[in-house]
């Protein structure tokens, strides 16, 4: 396997991982920011208040995006197995 091929494989793996994690991280970020603004406005400084909405939001997002995430992972894995000969170097 050449260095260019290894770097290309690494880039594809990182892009796939970031693409799959983006919806969950984005929802967690938006909910966390919303709860923080709410806490600042109402002067409620309870640290545990952010956990339950984040957990619920991430679980709901996971249920919505799970088929898409599975499709992305499956496509990446199938492409990896189909090109295995090129990676090993026949």
PDB file of N, CA and C in Angstrom:
ATOM      1  N   UNK A   1       0.849  -1.172   0.000  1.00  0.00           N
ATOM      2  CA  UNK A   1       0.000   0.000   0.000  1.00  0.00           C
ATOM      3  C   UNK A   1       0.895   1.234   0.000  1.00  0.00           C
ATOM      4  N   UNK A   2       0.623   2.139  -0.915  1.00  0.00           N
ATOM      5  CA  UNK A   2       1.416   3.352  -1.005  1.00  0.00           C
ATOM      6  C   UNK A   2       0.956   4.355   0.054  1.00  0.00           C
ATOM      7  N   UNK A   3       1.773   5.349   0.258  1.00  0.00           N
ATOM      8  CA  UNK A   3       1.442   6.375   1.244  1.00  0.00           C
ATOM      9  C   UNK A   3       0.213   7.173   0.817  1.00  0.00           C
ATOM     10  N   UNK A   4       0.094   7.443  -0.470  1.00  0.00           N
ATOM     11  CA  UNK A   4      -1.070   8.187  -0.957  1.00  0.00           C
ATOM     12  C   UNK A   4      -2.366   7.417  -0.730  1.00  0.00           C
ATOM     13  N   UNK A   5      -2.304   6.118  -0.945  1.00  0.00           N
ATOM     14  CA  UNK A   5      -3.490   5.285  -0.740  1.00  0.00           C
ATOM     15  C   UNK A   5      -3.864   5.226   0.747  1.00  0.00           C
ATOM     16  N   UNK A   6      -2.848   5.136   1.609  1.00  0.00           N
ATOM     17  CA  UNK A   6      -3.104   5.096   3.048  1.00  0.00           C
ATOM     18  C   UNK A   6      -3.695   6.419   3.536  1.00  0.00           C
ATOM     19  N   UNK A   7      -3.172   7.522   3.023  1.00  0.00           N
ATOM     20  CA  UNK A   7      -3.689   8.834   3.413  1.00  0.00           C
ATOM     21  C   UNK A   7      -5.114   9.006   2.913  1.00  0.00           C
ATOM     22  N   UNK A   8      -5.392   8.554   1.699  1.00  0.00           N
ATOM     23  CA  UNK A   8      -6.741   8.637   1.155  1.00  0.00           C
ATOM     24  C   UNK A   8      -7.719   7.816   1.983  1.00  0.00           C
ATOM     25  N   UNK A   9      -7.317   6.631   2.385  1.00  0.00           N
ATOM     26  CA  UNK A   9      -8.163   5.783   3.225  1.00  0.00           C
ATOM     27  C   UNK A   9      -8.413   6.435   4.579  1.00  0.00           C
ATOM     28  N   UNK A  10      -7.380   7.037   5.159  1.00  0.00           N
ATOM     29  CA  UNK A  10      -7.527   7.719   6.439  1.00  0.00           C
ATOM     30  C   UNK A  10      -8.465   8.914   6.323  1.00  0.00           C
ATOM     31  N   UNK A  11      -8.337   9.673   5.253  1.00  0.00           N
ATOM     32  CA  UNK A  11      -9.211  10.829   5.038  1.00  0.00           C
ATOM     33  C   UNK A  11     -10.663  10.380   4.889  1.00  0.00           C
ATOM     34  N   UNK A  12     -10.890   9.324   4.129  1.00  0.00           N
ATOM     35  CA  UNK A  12     -12.255   8.808   3.967  1.00  0.00           C
ATOM     36  C   UNK A  12     -12.834   8.345   5.297  1.00  0.00           C
ATOM     37  N   UNK A  13     -12.029   7.666   6.107  1.00  0.00           N
ATOM     38  CA  UNK A  13     -12.503   7.184   7.405  1.00  0.00           C
ATOM     39  C   UNK A  13     -12.836   8.356   8.331  1.00  0.00           C
ATOM     40  N   UNK A  14     -11.986   9.374   8.359  1.00  0.00           N
ATOM     41  CA  UNK A  14     -12.252  10.531   9.208  1.00  0.00           C
ATOM     42  C   UNK A  14     -13.469  11.312   8.732  1.00  0.00           C
ATOM     43  N   UNK A  15     -13.615  11.463   7.422  1.00  0.00           N
ATOM     44  CA  UNK A  15     -14.785  12.165   6.895  1.00  0.00           C
ATOM     45  C   UNK A  15     -16.068  11.413   7.227  1.00  0.00           C
ATOM     46  N   UNK A  16     -16.035  10.105   7.101  1.00  0.00           N
ATOM     47  CA  UNK A  16     -17.219   9.305   7.427  1.00  0.00           C
ATOM     48  C   UNK A  16     -17.554   9.415   8.909  1.00  0.00           C
ATOM     49  N   UNK A  17     -16.547   9.340   9.751  1.00  0.00           N
ATOM     50  CA  UNK A  17     -16.773   9.462  11.191  1.00  0.00           C
ATOM     51  C   UNK A  17     -17.333  10.819  11.584  1.00  0.00           C
ATOM     52  N   UNK A  18     -16.777  11.873  11.014  1.00  0.00           N
ATOM     53  CA  UNK A  18     -17.280  13.214  11.310  1.00  0.00           C
ATOM     54  C   UNK A  18     -18.690  13.415  10.777  1.00  0.00           C
ATOM     55  N   UNK A  19     -18.964  12.884   9.602  1.00  0.00           N
ATOM     56  CA  UNK A  19     -20.293  13.013   9.014  1.00  0.00           C
ATOM     57  C   UNK A  19     -21.337  12.282   9.850  1.00  0.00           C
ATOM     58  N   UNK A  20     -20.974  11.146  10.388  1.00  0.00           N
ATOM     59  CA  UNK A  20     -21.903  10.373  11.206  1.00  0.00           C
ATOM     60  C   UNK A  20     -22.119  11.036  12.565  1.00  0.00           C
ATOM     61  N   UNK A  21     -21.076  11.613  13.133  1.00  0.00           N
ATOM     62  CA  UNK A  21     -21.188  12.222  14.456  1.00  0.00           C
ATOM     63  C   UNK A  21     -21.818  13.607  14.429  1.00  0.00           C
ATOM     64  N   UNK A  22     -21.820  14.271  13.282  1.00  0.00           N
ATOM     65  CA  UNK A  22     -22.270  15.665  13.195  1.00  0.00           C
ATOM     66  C   UNK A  22     -23.704  15.901  13.681  1.00  0.00           C
ATOM     67  N   UNK A  23     -24.684  15.104  13.283  1.00  0.00           N
ATOM     68  CA  UNK A  23     -26.051  15.389  13.769  1.00  0.00           C
ATOM     69  C   UNK A  23     -26.179  15.282  15.285  1.00  0.00           C
ATOM     70  N   UNK A  24     -25.556  14.269  15.875  1.00  0.00           N
ATOM     71  CA  UNK A  24     -25.651  14.096  17.324  1.00  0.00           C
ATOM     72  C   UNK A  24     -24.948  15.229  18.065  1.00  0.00           C
ATOM     73  N   UNK A  25     -23.756  15.581  17.600  1.00  0.00           N
ATOM     74  CA  UNK A  25     -23.014  16.665  18.241  1.00  0.00           C
ATOM     75  C   UNK A  25     -23.712  18.005  18.044  1.00  0.00           C
ATOM     76  N   UNK A  26     -24.285  18.214  16.864  1.00  0.00           N
ATOM     77  CA  UNK A  26     -24.987  19.464  16.603  1.00  0.00           C
ATOM     78  C   UNK A  26     -26.203  19.645  17.500  1.00  0.00           C
ATOM     79  N   UNK A  27     -26.979  18.595  17.651  1.00  0.00           N
ATOM     80  CA  UNK A  27     -28.160  18.676  18.521  1.00  0.00           C
ATOM     81  C   UNK A  27     -27.742  18.882  19.966  1.00  0.00           C
ATOM     82  N   UNK A  28     -26.707  18.186  20.403  1.00  0.00           N
ATOM     83  CA  UNK A  28     -26.206  18.380  21.761  1.00  0.00           C
ATOM     84  C   UNK A  28     -25.726  19.808  21.988  1.00  0.00           C
ATOM     85  N   UNK A  29     -25.064  20.374  20.994  1.00  0.00           N
ATOM     86  CA  UNK A  29     -24.585  21.746  21.086  1.00  0.00           C
ATOM     87  C   UNK A  29     -25.737  22.737  21.156  1.00  0.00           C
ATOM     88  N   UNK A  30     -26.727  22.573  20.293  1.00  0.00           N
ATOM     89  CA  UNK A  30     -27.860  23.503  20.259  1.00  0.00           C
ATOM     90  C   UNK A  30     -28.666  23.427  21.555  1.00  0.00           C
ATOM     91  N   UNK A  31     -28.917  22.218  22.038  1.00  0.00           N
ATOM     92  CA  UNK A  31     -29.677  22.067  23.285  1.00  0.00           C
ATOM     93  C   UNK A  31     -28.880  22.621  24.461  1.00  0.00           C
ATOM     94  N   UNK A  32     -27.589  22.341  24.509  1.00  0.00           N
ATOM     95  CA  UNK A  32     -26.758  22.859  25.592  1.00  0.00           C
ATOM     96  C   UNK A  32     -26.711  24.375  25.602  1.00  0.00           C
ATOM     97  N   UNK A  33     -26.593  24.978  24.429  1.00  0.00           N
ATOM     98  CA  UNK A  33     -26.578  26.432  24.331  1.00  0.00           C
ATOM     99  C   UNK A  33     -27.925  27.025  24.738  1.00  0.00           C
ATOM    100  N   UNK A  34     -29.010  26.395  24.311  1.00  0.00           N
ATOM    101  CA  UNK A  34     -30.351  26.879  24.678  1.00  0.00           C
ATOM    102  C   UNK A  34     -30.576  26.811  26.185  1.00  0.00           C
ATOM    103  N   UNK A  35     -30.192  25.714  26.799  1.00  0.00           N
ATOM    104  CA  UNK A  35     -30.363  25.571  28.246  1.00  0.00           C
ATOM    105  C   UNK A  35     -29.473  26.566  28.982  1.00  0.00           C
ATOM    106  N   UNK A  36     -28.276  26.803  28.484  1.00  0.00           N
ATOM    107  CA  UNK A  36     -27.385  27.775  29.122  1.00  0.00           C
ATOM    108  C   UNK A  36     -27.959  29.182  29.052  1.00  0.00           C
ATOM    109  N   UNK A  37     -28.517  29.547  27.911  1.00  0.00           N
ATOM    110  CA  UNK A  37     -29.149  30.867  27.788  1.00  0.00           C
ATOM    111  C   UNK A  37     -30.349  30.960  28.726  1.00  0.00           C
ATOM    112  N   UNK A  38     -31.147  29.890  28.795  1.00  0.00           N
ATOM    113  CA  UNK A  38     -32.288  29.861  29.708  1.00  0.00           C
ATOM    114  C   UNK A  38     -31.830  30.013  31.160  1.00  0.00           C
ATOM    115  N   UNK A  39     -30.748  29.339  31.525  1.00  0.00           N
ATOM    116  CA  UNK A  39     -30.233  29.447  32.888  1.00  0.00           C
ATOM    117  C   UNK A  39     -29.728  30.855  33.181  1.00  0.00           C
ATOM    118  N   UNK A  40     -29.110  31.485  32.217  1.00  0.00           N
ATOM    119  CA  UNK A  40     -28.613  32.840  32.422  1.00  0.00           C
ATOM    120  C   UNK A  40     -29.756  33.839  32.583  1.00  0.00           C
ATOM    121  N   UNK A  41     -30.798  33.665  31.792  1.00  0.00           N
ATOM    122  CA  UNK A  41     -31.932  34.590  31.850  1.00  0.00           C
ATOM    123  C   UNK A  41     -32.703  34.436  33.149  1.00  0.00           C
ATOM    124  N   UNK A  42     -32.891  33.206  33.596  1.00  0.00           N
ATOM    125  CA  UNK A  42     -33.702  32.961  34.799  1.00  0.00           C
ATOM    126  C   UNK A  42     -32.875  32.885  36.072  1.00  0.00           C
ATOM    127  N   UNK A  43     -31.574  32.998  35.980  1.00  0.00           N
ATOM    128  CA  UNK A  43     -30.659  32.917  37.128  1.00  0.00           C
ATOM    129  C   UNK A  43     -30.739  31.579  37.849  1.00  0.00           C
ATOM    130  N   UNK A  44     -31.135  30.539  37.142  1.00  0.00           N
ATOM    131  CA  UNK A  44     -31.111  29.181  37.699  1.00  0.00           C
ATOM    132  C   UNK A  44     -29.735  28.604  37.385  1.00  0.00           C
ATOM    133  N   UNK A  45     -28.989  28.265  38.403  1.00  0.00           N
ATOM    134  CA  UNK A  45     -27.630  27.777  38.198  1.00  0.00           C
ATOM    135  C   UNK A  45     -27.500  26.309  38.619  1.00  0.00           C
ATOM    136  N   UNK A  46     -28.402  25.497  38.175  1.00  0.00           N
ATOM    137  CA  UNK A  46     -28.364  24.069  38.470  1.00  0.00           C
ATOM    138  C   UNK A  46     -27.563  23.360  37.387  1.00  0.00           C
ATOM    139  N   UNK A  47     -26.472  22.733  37.744  1.00  0.00           N
ATOM    140  CA  UNK A  47     -25.574  22.107  36.770  1.00  0.00           C
ATOM    141  C   UNK A  47     -26.184  20.871  36.114  1.00  0.00           C
ATOM    142  N   UNK A  48     -27.050  20.182  36.820  1.00  0.00           N
ATOM    143  CA  UNK A  48     -27.614  18.950  36.268  1.00  0.00           C
ATOM    144  C   UNK A  48     -28.779  19.212  35.323  1.00  0.00           C
ATOM    145  N   UNK A  49     -29.210  20.450  35.190  1.00  0.00           N
ATOM    146  CA  UNK A  49     -30.350  20.781  34.347  1.00  0.00           C
ATOM    147  C   UNK A  49     -30.074  20.516  32.870  1.00  0.00           C
ATOM    148  N   UNK A  50     -28.824  20.565  32.450  1.00  0.00           N
ATOM    149  CA  UNK A  50     -28.511  20.399  31.028  1.00  0.00           C
ATOM    150  C   UNK A  50     -28.479  18.944  30.587  1.00  0.00           C
ATOM    151  N   UNK A  51     -28.281  18.019  31.495  1.00  0.00           N
ATOM    152  CA  UNK A  51     -28.063  16.633  31.095  1.00  0.00           C
ATOM    153  C   UNK A  51     -29.305  15.957  30.515  1.00  0.00           C
ATOM    154  N   UNK A  52     -30.440  16.094  31.166  1.00  0.00           N
ATOM    155  CA  UNK A  52     -31.647  15.403  30.715  1.00  0.00           C
ATOM    156  C   UNK A  52     -32.089  15.882  29.329  1.00  0.00           C
ATOM    157  N   UNK A  53     -32.177  17.189  29.069  1.00  0.00           N
ATOM    158  CA  UNK A  53     -32.560  17.600  27.705  1.00  0.00           C
ATOM    159  C   UNK A  53     -31.557  17.153  26.644  1.00  0.00           C
ATOM    160  N   UNK A  54     -30.270  17.166  26.967  1.00  0.00           N
ATOM    161  CA  UNK A  54     -29.268  16.715  25.999  1.00  0.00           C
ATOM    162  C   UNK A  54     -29.415  15.232  25.701  1.00  0.00           C
ATOM    163  N   UNK A  55     -29.600  14.442  26.740  1.00  0.00           N
ATOM    164  CA  UNK A  55     -29.737  12.998  26.553  1.00  0.00           C
ATOM    165  C   UNK A  55     -30.975  12.689  25.710  1.00  0.00           C
ATOM    166  N   UNK A  56     -32.089  13.326  26.025  1.00  0.00           N
ATOM    167  CA  UNK A  56     -33.324  13.093  25.273  1.00  0.00           C
ATOM    168  C   UNK A  56     -33.147  13.545  23.820  1.00  0.00           C
ATOM    169  N   UNK A  57     -32.541  14.710  23.627  1.00  0.00           N
ATOM    170  CA  UNK A  57     -32.333  15.215  22.274  1.00  0.00           C
ATOM    171  C   UNK A  57     -31.434  14.330  21.444  1.00  0.00           C
ATOM    172  N   UNK A  58     -30.358  13.845  22.050  1.00  0.00           N
ATOM    173  CA  UNK A  58     -29.438  12.969  21.320  1.00  0.00           C
ATOM    174  C   UNK A  58     -30.092  11.625  21.003  1.00  0.00           C
ATOM    175  N   UNK A  59     -30.869  11.095  21.920  1.00  0.00           N
ATOM    176  CA  UNK A  59     -31.549   9.816  21.662  1.00  0.00           C
ATOM    177  C   UNK A  59     -32.583   9.969  20.546  1.00  0.00           C
ATOM    178  N   UNK A  60     -33.342  11.054  20.575  1.00  0.00           N
ATOM    179  CA  UNK A  60     -34.334  11.284  19.511  1.00  0.00           C
ATOM    180  C   UNK A  60     -33.628  11.470  18.171  1.00  0.00           C
ATOM    181  N   UNK A  61     -32.534  12.238  18.167  1.00  0.00           N
ATOM    182  CA  UNK A  61     -31.769  12.437  16.937  1.00  0.00           C
ATOM    183  C   UNK A  61     -31.196  11.124  16.435  1.00  0.00           C
ATOM    184  N   UNK A  62     -30.714  10.288  17.333  1.00  0.00           N
ATOM    185  CA  UNK A  62     -30.187   8.984  16.947  1.00  0.00           C
ATOM    186  C   UNK A  62     -31.271   8.108  16.329  1.00  0.00           C
ATOM    187  N   UNK A  63     -32.467   8.162  16.903  1.00  0.00           N
ATOM    188  CA  UNK A  63     -33.563   7.373  16.335  1.00  0.00           C
ATOM    189  C   UNK A  63     -33.937   7.874  14.941  1.00  0.00           C
ATOM    190  N   UNK A  64     -33.875   9.177  14.723  1.00  0.00           N
ATOM    191  CA  UNK A  64     -34.231   9.741  13.422  1.00  0.00           C
ATOM    192  C   UNK A  64     -33.150   9.463  12.381  1.00  0.00           C
ATOM    193  N   UNK A  65     -31.879   9.650  12.761  1.00  0.00           N
ATOM    194  CA  UNK A  65     -30.777   9.549  11.808  1.00  0.00           C
ATOM    195  C   UNK A  65     -30.127   8.168  11.737  1.00  0.00           C
ATOM    196  N   UNK A  66     -30.594   7.208  12.519  1.00  0.00           N
ATOM    197  CA  UNK A  66     -29.967   5.878  12.541  1.00  0.00           C
ATOM    198  C   UNK A  66     -29.940   5.198  11.173  1.00  0.00           C
ATOM    199  N   UNK A  67     -31.018   5.211  10.396  1.00  0.00           N
ATOM    200  CA  UNK A  67     -30.941   4.561   9.075  1.00  0.00           C
ATOM    201  C   UNK A  67     -29.907   5.223   8.161  1.00  0.00           C
ATOM    202  N   UNK A  68     -29.859   6.545   8.183  1.00  0.00           N
ATOM    203  CA  UNK A  68     -28.885   7.266   7.366  1.00  0.00           C
ATOM    204  C   UNK A  68     -27.451   6.965   7.823  1.00  0.00           C
ATOM    205  N   UNK A  69     -27.240   6.938   9.138  1.00  0.00           N
ATOM    206  CA  UNK A  69     -25.908   6.646   9.677  1.00  0.00           C
ATOM    207  C   UNK A  69     -25.478   5.224   9.304  1.00  0.00           C
ATOM    208  N   UNK A  70     -26.395   4.296   9.430  1.00  0.00           N
ATOM    209  CA  UNK A  70     -26.096   2.911   9.074  1.00  0.00           C
ATOM    210  C   UNK A  70     -25.779   2.780   7.596  1.00  0.00           C
ATOM    211  N   UNK A  71     -26.486   3.515   6.762  1.00  0.00           N
ATOM    212  CA  UNK A  71     -26.219   3.501   5.327  1.00  0.00           C
ATOM    213  C   UNK A  71     -24.811   4.031   5.034  1.00  0.00           C
ATOM    214  N   UNK A  72     -24.418   5.114   5.691  1.00  0.00           N
ATOM    215  CA  UNK A  72     -23.084   5.682   5.480  1.00  0.00           C
ATOM    216  C   UNK A  72     -21.986   4.712   5.925  1.00  0.00           C
ATOM    217  N   UNK A  73     -22.167   4.085   7.081  1.00  0.00           N
ATOM    218  CA  UNK A  73     -21.174   3.140   7.577  1.00  0.00           C
ATOM    219  C   UNK A  73     -21.099   1.916   6.667  1.00  0.00           C
ATOM    220  N   UNK A  74     -22.256   1.430   6.238  1.00  0.00           N
ATOM    221  CA  UNK A  74     -22.295   0.262   5.361  1.00  0.00           C
ATOM    222  C   UNK A  74     -21.644   0.555   4.020  1.00  0.00           C
ATOM    223  N   UNK A  75     -21.921   1.729   3.457  1.00  0.00           N
ATOM    224  CA  UNK A  75     -21.313   2.115   2.184  1.00  0.00           C
ATOM    225  C   UNK A  75     -19.797   2.203   2.313  1.00  0.00           C
ATOM    226  N   UNK A  76     -19.320   2.801   3.383  1.00  0.00           N
ATOM    227  CA  UNK A  76     -17.874   2.901   3.598  1.00  0.00           C
ATOM    228  C   UNK A  76     -17.246   1.511   3.732  1.00  0.00           C
ATOM    229  N   UNK A  77     -17.891   0.641   4.489  1.00  0.00           N
ATOM    230  CA  UNK A  77     -17.352  -0.702   4.701  1.00  0.00           C
ATOM    231  C   UNK A  77     -17.355  -1.518   3.416  1.00  0.00           C
ATOM    232  N   UNK A  78     -18.423  -1.429   2.640  1.00  0.00           N
ATOM    233  CA  UNK A  78     -18.487  -2.150   1.366  1.00  0.00           C
ATOM    234  C   UNK A  78     -17.402  -1.662   0.418  1.00  0.00           C
ATOM    235  N   UNK A  79     -17.213  -0.334   0.341  1.00  0.00           N
ATOM    236  CA  UNK A  79     -16.139   0.212  -0.493  1.00  0.00           C
ATOM    237  C   UNK A  79     -14.769  -0.242  -0.012  1.00  0.00           C
ATOM    238  N   UNK A  80     -14.607  -0.340   1.288  1.00  0.00           N
ATOM    239  CA  UNK A  80     -13.336  -0.799   1.854  1.00  0.00           C
ATOM    240  C   UNK A  80     -13.062  -2.250   1.460  1.00  0.00           C
ATOM    241  N   UNK A  81     -14.080  -3.100   1.579  1.00  0.00           N
ATOM    242  CA  UNK A  81     -13.905  -4.503   1.211  1.00  0.00           C
ATOM    243  C   UNK A  81     -13.740  -4.691  -0.301  1.00  0.00           C
ATOM    244  N   UNK A  82     -14.450  -3.894  -1.080  1.00  0.00           N
ATOM    245  CA  UNK A  82     -14.313  -4.005  -2.532  1.00  0.00           C
ATOM    246  C   UNK A  82     -12.926  -3.595  -3.014  1.00  0.00           C
ATOM    247  N   UNK A  83     -12.297  -2.657  -2.333  1.00  0.00           N
ATOM    248  CA  UNK A  83     -10.968  -2.180  -2.717  1.00  0.00           C
ATOM    249  C   UNK A  83      -9.862  -2.806  -1.885  1.00  0.00           C
ATOM    250  N   UNK A  84     -10.148  -3.873  -1.200  1.00  0.00           N
ATOM    251  CA  UNK A  84      -9.165  -4.510  -0.335  1.00  0.00           C
ATOM    252  C   UNK A  84      -7.941  -4.978  -1.105  1.00  0.00           C
ATOM    253  N   UNK A  85      -8.130  -5.435  -2.325  1.00  0.00           N
ATOM    254  CA  UNK A  85      -7.007  -5.866  -3.140  1.00  0.00           C
ATOM    255  C   UNK A  85      -6.027  -4.743  -3.412  1.00  0.00           C
ATOM    256  N   UNK A  86      -6.536  -3.553  -3.640  1.00  0.00           N
ATOM    257  CA  UNK A  86      -5.660  -2.396  -3.879  1.00  0.00           C
ATOM    258  C   UNK A  86      -4.915  -1.994  -2.622  1.00  0.00           C
ATOM    259  N   UNK A  87      -5.547  -2.184  -1.464  1.00  0.00           N
ATOM    260  CA  UNK A  87      -4.897  -1.800  -0.220  1.00  0.00           C
ATOM    261  C   UNK A  87      -3.810  -2.790   0.186  1.00  0.00           C
ATOM    262  N   UNK A  88      -4.047  -4.061  -0.090  1.00  0.00           N
ATOM    263  CA  UNK A  88      -3.064  -5.084   0.270  1.00  0.00           C
ATOM    264  C   UNK A  88      -1.934  -5.117  -0.728  1.00  0.00           C
ATOM    265  N   UNK A  89      -2.224  -4.850  -1.961  1.00  0.00           N
ATOM    266  CA  UNK A  89      -1.171  -4.791  -2.964  1.00  0.00           C
ATOM    267  C   UNK A  89      -1.028  -6.067  -3.765  1.00  0.00           C
ATOM    268  N   UNK A  90      -2.105  -6.738  -4.024  1.00  0.00           N
ATOM    269  CA  UNK A  90      -2.171  -7.973  -4.843  1.00  0.00           C
ATOM    270  C   UNK A  90      -0.837  -8.629  -4.959  1.00  0.00           C
TER     271      UNK A  90
END
